[in-house]
Amino acid sequence: MKVKDLRNMTDEELNRKLEDSYNKLLHLRSDVKIGKLQKPHEIGIYRSDIAKIHTVISERSKEKKSEV
């Protein structure tokens, strides 16, 4: 996922995407433990997506604080 796409999302969409990413990461980690994971690189992809979403949320909160 690109940061440009994330910046075009609303706050609700970002929170929903963040929750979905955390859930998917949880399932991937459990698949690793039982030896069922076929594509281990997906863990890194979801971790970076979560970081990108947190970055966009943080930027928005800083913008709101500077406006006040």
Protein backbone atom coordinates (compact mmCIF):
# COMPACT_ATOMS: atom_id res chain seq x y z
CA MET A 1 0.00 0.00 0.00
CA LYS A 2 1.28 3.43 -0.87
CA VAL A 3 1.28 6.37 1.52
CA LYS A 4 -0.34 8.50 -1.16
CA ASP A 5 -3.37 6.20 -1.11
CA LEU A 6 -3.49 6.28 2.69
CA ARG A 7 -3.49 10.07 2.75
CA ASN A 8 -6.59 10.10 0.55
CA MET A 9 -8.51 7.92 3.04
CA THR A 10 -10.74 9.29 5.78
CA ASP A 11 -9.95 8.72 9.46
CA GLU A 12 -12.58 5.99 9.69
CA GLU A 13 -11.15 4.17 6.68
CA LEU A 14 -7.65 4.40 8.15
CA ASN A 15 -8.78 2.98 11.46
CA ARG A 16 -10.61 0.15 9.71
CA LYS A 17 -7.56 -0.60 7.55
CA LEU A 18 -5.34 -0.55 10.65
CA GLU A 19 -7.61 -2.98 12.47
CA ASP A 20 -7.74 -5.29 9.45
CA SER A 21 -3.95 -5.22 9.12
CA TYR A 22 -3.48 -6.07 12.80
CA ASN A 23 -5.92 -8.97 12.49
CA LYS A 24 -4.21 -10.30 9.37
CA LEU A 25 -0.80 -10.01 11.07
CA LEU A 26 -2.12 -11.94 14.06
CA HIS A 27 -3.35 -14.73 11.81
CA LEU A 28 -0.05 -14.83 9.92
CA ARG A 29 1.89 -15.10 13.17
CA SER A 30 -0.30 -17.95 14.34
CA ASP A 31 0.22 -19.67 10.98
CA VAL A 32 3.97 -19.41 11.51
CA LYS A 33 3.72 -21.17 14.85
CA ILE A 34 1.79 -24.11 13.43
CA GLY A 35 3.97 -24.26 10.33
CA LYS A 36 1.19 -23.47 7.89
CA LEU A 37 2.48 -20.17 6.47
CA GLN A 38 3.28 -20.38 2.75
CA LYS A 39 4.48 -16.80 2.17
CA PRO A 40 6.51 -15.55 5.15
CA HIS A 41 7.30 -12.25 3.43
CA GLU A 42 3.67 -11.19 3.98
CA ILE A 43 4.45 -10.55 7.65
CA GLY A 44 6.86 -7.80 6.67
CA ILE A 45 4.37 -6.33 4.24
CA TYR A 46 1.66 -6.04 6.88
CA ARG A 47 4.11 -4.65 9.44
CA SER A 48 5.16 -1.91 7.03
CA ASP A 49 1.53 -1.16 6.16
CA ILE A 50 0.76 -0.75 9.86
CA ALA A 51 3.72 1.61 10.25
CA LYS A 52 2.59 3.67 7.25
CA ILE A 53 -0.94 3.96 8.65
CA HIS A 54 0.40 5.04 12.04
CA THR A 55 2.55 7.66 10.31
CA VAL A 56 -0.40 9.15 8.46
CA ILE A 57 -2.52 9.18 11.63
CA SER A 58 0.32 10.87 13.53
CA GLU A 59 0.72 13.51 10.80
CA ARG A 60 -2.98 14.29 10.92
CA SER A 61 -3.01 14.64 14.70
CA LYS A 62 -0.02 17.02 14.53
CA GLU A 63 -1.79 19.10 11.89
CA LYS A 64 -4.90 19.33 14.05
CA LYS A 65 -2.85 20.44 17.06
CA SER A 66 -1.03 23.11 15.06
CA GLU A 67 -4.33 24.51 13.78
CA VAL A 68 -5.61 25.13 17.29
